[in-house]
């Protein structure tokens, strides 16, 4: 039995572990959504973010990149007043800025996912440099967790975890990293 089940009852962590963590994400809006969640986790527990993920999805228009990229002052103020999400000016501004940057990557590479794949495989340190040059609020831990959680860096599951093989079967490419 996986250790997550030994220590915790069925909860948001188990659902996340079994259905999302380390599994590839094909849709750009969902990749962007994961980036928003990882950015908002900074300084907080992942449990807090998992419990608020539906609120984030609603507040950020289903993580629609084009809609978030077009956010203005009224949207910023709406988000700052939304008790269902993390109300941090830097994190909200980063989400808007990062959506705008992703639009440019989509134009240049066809999609956010293709931009990531264009650079893959890289080490964590190499990825951090790329993300810091491209996005806001993307330090080492955020970049590591984002790429680990989407199957590009190793560490989401240990080799003894039954989901390790499942993520690889689903197309995770973390095993290509040297």
Protein backbone atom coordinates (compact mmCIF):
# COMPACT_ATOMS: atom_id res chain seq x y z
CA UNK A 1 0.00 0.00 0.00
CA UNK A 2 1.25 3.52 -0.78
CA UNK A 3 2.39 5.47 2.28
CA UNK A 4 -0.06 8.30 1.49
CA UNK A 5 -2.91 5.85 2.18
CA UNK A 6 -1.26 4.53 5.34
CA UNK A 7 -1.16 7.98 6.91
CA UNK A 8 -4.27 9.70 5.56
CA UNK A 9 -7.89 8.84 4.93
CA UNK A 10 -9.43 9.46 1.50
CA UNK A 11 -8.99 13.21 1.04
CA UNK A 12 -7.92 15.86 -1.44
CA UNK A 13 -4.30 14.71 -1.23
CA UNK A 14 -5.15 11.13 -2.17
CA UNK A 15 -7.32 12.26 -5.06
CA UNK A 16 -4.58 14.62 -6.27
CA UNK A 17 -1.88 11.94 -5.85
CA UNK A 18 -3.88 9.32 -7.72
CA UNK A 19 -5.26 11.40 -10.57
CA UNK A 20 -3.05 14.44 -11.14
CA UNK A 21 0.38 14.43 -9.49
CA UNK A 22 3.05 13.56 -12.02
CA UNK A 23 0.58 12.94 -14.83
CA UNK A 24 1.05 14.89 -18.07
CA UNK A 25 -1.37 17.70 -18.85
CA UNK A 26 -2.24 18.16 -22.51
CA UNK A 27 -4.39 21.29 -22.36
CA UNK A 28 -2.65 24.68 -22.16
CA UNK A 29 -5.34 26.16 -19.95
CA UNK A 30 -4.93 23.29 -17.48
CA UNK A 31 -1.13 23.69 -17.54
CA UNK A 32 -1.62 27.38 -16.82
CA UNK A 33 -4.03 26.48 -14.03
CA UNK A 34 -1.45 24.20 -12.44
CA UNK A 35 1.10 27.02 -12.65
CA UNK A 36 -1.35 29.38 -10.91
CA UNK A 37 -1.91 26.82 -8.14
CA UNK A 38 1.81 26.22 -7.66
CA UNK A 39 2.51 29.97 -7.52
CA UNK A 40 -0.24 30.46 -4.97
CA UNK A 41 1.07 27.65 -2.80
CA UNK A 42 4.27 29.60 -2.07
CA UNK A 43 4.41 30.14 1.68
CA UNK A 44 1.28 28.08 2.30
CA UNK A 45 0.37 24.42 2.63
CA UNK A 46 -0.55 22.44 -0.49
CA UNK A 47 -3.65 21.31 1.41
CA UNK A 48 -4.87 24.92 1.47
CA UNK A 49 -4.48 25.17 -2.30
CA UNK A 50 -6.14 21.82 -2.99
CA UNK A 51 -9.11 22.81 -0.87
CA UNK A 52 -9.39 26.09 -2.80
CA UNK A 53 -8.68 24.76 -6.30
CA UNK A 54 -12.32 24.95 -7.42
CA UNK A 55 -12.45 28.54 -6.18
CA UNK A 56 -9.31 29.35 -8.17
CA UNK A 57 -10.82 27.77 -11.29
CA UNK A 58 -13.97 29.86 -10.95
CA UNK A 59 -12.15 33.09 -10.04
CA UNK A 60 -9.72 32.77 -12.96
CA UNK A 61 -12.38 31.98 -15.61
CA UNK A 62 -11.63 28.27 -15.78
CA UNK A 63 -7.90 29.10 -16.16
CA UNK A 64 -8.64 30.39 -19.65
CA UNK A 65 -5.33 31.94 -20.74
CA UNK A 66 -6.86 34.45 -23.12
CA UNK A 67 -9.41 35.68 -20.59
CA UNK A 68 -6.85 36.02 -17.79
CA UNK A 69 -4.37 37.76 -20.12
CA UNK A 70 -7.03 40.40 -20.80
CA UNK A 71 -7.72 41.09 -17.11
CA UNK A 72 -7.69 44.74 -16.17
CA UNK A 73 -8.01 46.71 -12.97
CA UNK A 74 -11.60 45.61 -12.32
CA UNK A 75 -10.62 41.92 -12.55
CA UNK A 76 -7.59 42.50 -10.35
CA UNK A 77 -9.81 44.17 -7.73
CA UNK A 78 -12.37 41.36 -8.02
CA UNK A 79 -9.63 38.80 -7.34
CA UNK A 80 -8.25 40.84 -4.43
CA UNK A 81 -11.73 40.75 -2.90
CA UNK A 82 -12.34 37.03 -3.45
CA UNK A 83 -12.03 35.26 -0.09
CA UNK A 84 -12.11 31.88 -1.87
CA UNK A 85 -8.60 32.31 -3.27
CA UNK A 86 -5.24 33.58 -2.04
CA UNK A 87 -5.48 37.37 -2.16
CA UNK A 88 -1.88 38.35 -2.76
CA UNK A 89 -1.13 41.23 -5.14
CA UNK A 90 2.13 39.73 -6.40
CA UNK A 91 0.55 36.35 -7.08
CA UNK A 92 -2.47 37.84 -8.86
CA UNK A 93 -0.27 40.11 -10.96
CA UNK A 94 1.94 37.13 -11.78
CA UNK A 95 -1.06 35.12 -13.03
CA UNK A 96 -2.10 37.94 -15.36
CA UNK A 97 1.45 38.57 -16.59
CA UNK A 98 2.13 34.86 -17.04
CA UNK A 99 -1.05 34.43 -19.08
CA UNK A 100 0.18 37.19 -21.38
CA UNK A 101 3.58 35.52 -21.67
CA UNK A 102 1.95 32.17 -22.46
CA UNK A 103 0.01 33.81 -25.28
CA UNK A 104 3.35 34.79 -26.82
CA UNK A 105 4.71 31.26 -26.34
CA UNK A 106 1.60 29.86 -28.02
CA UNK A 107 2.15 32.16 -31.00
CA UNK A 108 5.82 31.23 -31.25
CA UNK A 109 5.62 27.50 -30.46
CA UNK A 110 2.00 26.54 -31.11
CA UNK A 111 1.18 25.91 -27.46
CA UNK A 112 2.48 26.30 -23.92
CA UNK A 113 2.98 22.53 -23.82
CA UNK A 114 5.05 22.62 -27.04
CA UNK A 115 7.19 25.38 -25.53
CA UNK A 116 7.89 23.15 -22.53
CA UNK A 117 8.61 20.19 -24.78
CA UNK A 118 10.90 22.35 -26.94
CA UNK A 119 13.13 22.81 -23.87
CA UNK A 120 12.74 19.30 -22.42
CA UNK A 121 14.71 17.56 -20.99
CA UNK A 122 16.47 19.99 -18.68
CA UNK A 123 17.71 19.83 -15.13
CA UNK A 124 15.85 21.68 -12.42
CA UNK A 125 18.49 24.44 -12.41
CA UNK A 126 18.19 24.90 -16.17
CA UNK A 127 14.40 25.01 -15.95
CA UNK A 128 14.49 27.60 -13.18
CA UNK A 129 16.62 29.91 -15.36
CA UNK A 130 14.21 29.53 -18.28
CA UNK A 131 11.12 30.11 -16.14
CA UNK A 132 12.62 33.09 -14.30
CA UNK A 133 13.48 34.68 -17.65
CA UNK A 134 9.95 34.07 -18.97
CA UNK A 135 7.52 34.32 -16.06
CA UNK A 136 6.93 36.15 -12.78
CA UNK A 137 6.88 34.53 -9.33
CA UNK A 138 8.64 31.36 -10.48
CA UNK A 139 11.41 30.53 -8.05
CA UNK A 140 13.11 27.17 -7.72
CA UNK A 141 10.50 25.41 -5.61
CA UNK A 142 7.57 26.62 -7.73
CA UNK A 143 9.26 25.58 -10.98
CA UNK A 144 10.29 22.23 -9.50
CA UNK A 145 6.79 21.43 -8.23
CA UNK A 146 5.12 22.62 -11.45
CA UNK A 147 7.35 20.46 -13.65
CA UNK A 148 7.30 17.50 -11.25
CA UNK A 149 3.52 17.64 -10.99
CA UNK A 150 3.15 17.68 -14.77
CA UNK A 151 5.57 14.82 -15.42
CA UNK A 152 8.63 16.73 -16.70
CA UNK A 153 10.87 16.36 -13.64
CA UNK A 154 11.27 13.28 -11.43
CA UNK A 155 10.09 13.08 -7.85
CA UNK A 156 6.31 13.06 -7.89
CA UNK A 157 6.28 9.35 -7.03
CA UNK A 158 8.99 7.01 -5.80
CA UNK A 159 9.67 3.90 -7.85
CA UNK A 160 7.83 1.70 -5.34
CA UNK A 161 4.64 3.71 -5.67
CA UNK A 162 2.06 2.10 -7.96
CA UNK A 163 1.48 5.48 -9.59
CA UNK A 164 5.11 5.81 -10.71
CA UNK A 165 4.52 3.38 -13.59
CA UNK A 166 1.06 4.83 -14.25
CA UNK A 167 2.50 8.31 -14.82
CA UNK A 168 5.06 6.90 -17.25
CA UNK A 169 2.35 4.91 -19.05
CA UNK A 170 0.34 8.15 -19.32
CA UNK A 171 3.27 9.84 -21.06
CA UNK A 172 5.27 11.49 -18.27
CA UNK A 173 8.81 12.13 -19.50
CA UNK A 174 10.65 12.74 -16.20
CA UNK A 175 12.77 9.64 -16.82
CA UNK A 176 14.49 11.48 -19.73
CA UNK A 177 16.10 13.96 -17.32
CA UNK A 178 19.77 13.21 -16.66
